Amino acid sequence: MENTQQKQFTNYITHHKEEFQNKLLSEAVGVASKINDILQSGNIDLLKNAEKLVRYVVEERDDELVSFAEHEGVVWAAHNFNPYS
């Protein structure tokens, strides 16, 4: 992605964080209630994580994306979370 577009997208997410999170929640109709449960029981903020993931992808920060995924996988395993249950 072109650097100017990357900056515009990143700036949009930064300045419209609440709108971004609300859009995610509106799309996650079947699992929206689980998001708070996961935050409470495992201290995992899925909305914040989604923002990080989008930034890593848009900014083509592949190494950080892989590192983040590995870390989150360990955290989810430690708490025995199953995102499909």
C-alpha atoms as a PDB file:
ATOM      1  CA  MET A   1       0.000   0.000   0.000  1.00  0.00           C
ATOM      2  CA  GLU A   2       1.219   3.467  -0.787  1.00  0.00           C
ATOM      3  CA  ASN A   3       2.791   5.308   2.159  1.00  0.00           C
ATOM      4  CA  THR A   4       0.313   8.224   1.933  1.00  0.00           C
ATOM      5  CA  GLN A   5      -2.634   5.832   2.039  1.00  0.00           C
ATOM      6  CA  GLN A   6      -1.090   4.019   4.991  1.00  0.00           C
ATOM      7  CA  LYS A   7      -0.785   7.261   6.931  1.00  0.00           C
ATOM      8  CA  GLN A   8      -4.323   8.305   6.074  1.00  0.00           C
ATOM      9  CA  PHE A   9      -5.741   4.979   7.202  1.00  0.00           C
ATOM     10  CA  THR A  10      -3.671   4.951  10.390  1.00  0.00           C
ATOM     11  CA  ASN A  11      -4.693   8.525  11.173  1.00  0.00           C
ATOM     12  CA  TYR A  12      -8.328   7.656  10.559  1.00  0.00           C
ATOM     13  CA  ILE A  13      -8.219   4.776  13.036  1.00  0.00           C
ATOM     14  CA  THR A  14      -6.401   6.929  15.590  1.00  0.00           C
ATOM     15  CA  HIS A  15      -8.876   9.799  15.352  1.00  0.00           C
ATOM     16  CA  HIS A  16     -12.010   7.670  14.987  1.00  0.00           C
ATOM     17  CA  LYS A  17     -11.205   4.908  17.475  1.00  0.00           C
ATOM     18  CA  GLU A  18     -14.703   4.785  18.955  1.00  0.00           C
ATOM     19  CA  GLU A  19     -16.332   4.647  15.535  1.00  0.00           C
ATOM     20  CA  PHE A  20     -13.913   1.879  14.506  1.00  0.00           C
ATOM     21  CA  GLN A  21     -14.687  -0.127  17.644  1.00  0.00           C
ATOM     22  CA  ASN A  22     -18.439   0.359  17.244  1.00  0.00           C
ATOM     23  CA  LYS A  23     -18.231  -0.877  13.662  1.00  0.00           C
ATOM     24  CA  LEU A  24     -16.341  -3.965  14.816  1.00  0.00           C
ATOM     25  CA  LEU A  25     -18.969  -4.631  17.485  1.00  0.00           C
ATOM     26  CA  SER A  26     -21.806  -4.192  14.997  1.00  0.00           C
ATOM     27  CA  GLU A  27     -20.180  -6.779  12.720  1.00  0.00           C
ATOM     28  CA  ALA A  28     -19.550  -9.194  15.604  1.00  0.00           C
ATOM     29  CA  VAL A  29     -23.214  -9.689  16.393  1.00  0.00           C
ATOM     30  CA  GLY A  30     -22.890 -13.306  17.495  1.00  0.00           C
ATOM     31  CA  VAL A  31     -19.811 -12.821  19.664  1.00  0.00           C
ATOM     32  CA  ALA A  32     -20.121  -9.269  20.971  1.00  0.00           C
ATOM     33  CA  SER A  33     -21.113 -10.502  24.426  1.00  0.00           C
ATOM     34  CA  LYS A  34     -18.034 -12.727  24.594  1.00  0.00           C
ATOM     35  CA  ILE A  35     -15.718  -9.773  23.981  1.00  0.00           C
ATOM     36  CA  ASN A  36     -16.391  -8.356  27.445  1.00  0.00           C
ATOM     37  CA  ASP A  37     -16.180 -11.815  29.031  1.00  0.00           C
ATOM     38  CA  ILE A  38     -12.729 -12.341  27.517  1.00  0.00           C
ATOM     39  CA  LEU A  39     -11.620  -8.902  28.710  1.00  0.00           C
ATOM     40  CA  GLN A  40     -12.805  -9.650  32.240  1.00  0.00           C
ATOM     41  CA  SER A  41     -11.512 -13.194  32.560  1.00  0.00           C
ATOM     42  CA  GLY A  42      -8.269 -12.947  30.626  1.00  0.00           C
ATOM     43  CA  ASN A  43      -7.531  -9.238  30.474  1.00  0.00           C
ATOM     44  CA  ILE A  44      -7.479  -9.481  26.679  1.00  0.00           C
ATOM     45  CA  ASP A  45      -8.882  -6.397  24.956  1.00  0.00           C
ATOM     46  CA  LEU A  46     -10.056  -7.731  21.604  1.00  0.00           C
ATOM     47  CA  LEU A  47     -11.036  -4.305  20.296  1.00  0.00           C
ATOM     48  CA  LYS A  48      -7.600  -2.906  21.049  1.00  0.00           C
ATOM     49  CA  ASN A  49      -6.044  -6.010  19.518  1.00  0.00           C
ATOM     50  CA  ALA A  50      -8.110  -5.573  16.360  1.00  0.00           C
ATOM     51  CA  GLU A  51      -6.803  -2.030  16.046  1.00  0.00           C
ATOM     52  CA  LYS A  52      -3.221  -3.280  16.406  1.00  0.00           C
ATOM     53  CA  LEU A  53      -3.782  -5.972  13.799  1.00  0.00           C
ATOM     54  CA  VAL A  54      -5.209  -3.515  11.295  1.00  0.00           C
ATOM     55  CA  ARG A  55      -2.278  -1.146  11.840  1.00  0.00           C
ATOM     56  CA  TYR A  56       0.281  -3.935  11.396  1.00  0.00           C
ATOM     57  CA  VAL A  57      -1.375  -5.088   8.177  1.00  0.00           C
ATOM     58  CA  VAL A  58      -1.899  -1.607   6.707  1.00  0.00           C
ATOM     59  CA  GLU A  59       1.615  -0.495   7.608  1.00  0.00           C
ATOM     60  CA  GLU A  60       3.023  -3.811   6.317  1.00  0.00           C
ATOM     61  CA  ARG A  61       4.745  -4.511   9.639  1.00  0.00           C
ATOM     62  CA  ASP A  62       4.907  -8.257   9.065  1.00  0.00           C
ATOM     63  CA  ASP A  63       7.454  -9.093  11.781  1.00  0.00           C
ATOM     64  CA  GLU A  64       5.392  -7.298  14.418  1.00  0.00           C
ATOM     65  CA  LEU A  65       2.235  -8.986  13.148  1.00  0.00           C
ATOM     66  CA  VAL A  66       3.798 -12.439  13.499  1.00  0.00           C
ATOM     67  CA  SER A  67       5.216 -11.602  16.930  1.00  0.00           C
ATOM     68  CA  PHE A  68       1.839 -10.284  18.087  1.00  0.00           C
ATOM     69  CA  ALA A  69       0.049 -13.407  16.813  1.00  0.00           C
ATOM     70  CA  GLU A  70       2.523 -15.685  18.572  1.00  0.00           C
ATOM     71  CA  HIS A  71       2.160 -13.774  21.840  1.00  0.00           C
ATOM     72  CA  GLU A  72      -1.631 -13.746  21.698  1.00  0.00           C
ATOM     73  CA  GLY A  73      -1.697 -17.460  20.880  1.00  0.00           C
ATOM     74  CA  VAL A  74       0.289 -18.178  24.035  1.00  0.00           C
ATOM     75  CA  VAL A  75      -1.999 -15.941  26.122  1.00  0.00           C
ATOM     76  CA  TRP A  76      -5.142 -17.583  24.744  1.00  0.00           C
ATOM     77  CA  ALA A  77      -3.694 -21.038  25.346  1.00  0.00           C
ATOM     78  CA  ALA A  78      -2.721 -20.123  28.914  1.00  0.00           C
ATOM     79  CA  HIS A  79      -6.315 -19.090  29.619  1.00  0.00           C
ATOM     80  CA  ASN A  80      -7.689 -22.051  27.677  1.00  0.00           C
ATOM     81  CA  PHE A  81      -9.851 -19.740  25.564  1.00  0.00           C
ATOM     82  CA  ASN A  82     -11.592 -21.228  22.586  1.00  0.00           C
ATOM     83  CA  PRO A  83     -12.723 -18.517  20.162  1.00  0.00           C
ATOM     84  CA  TYR A  84     -15.135 -20.966  18.519  1.00  0.00           C
ATOM     85  CA  SER A  85     -17.066 -22.053  21.578  1.00  0.00           C
END
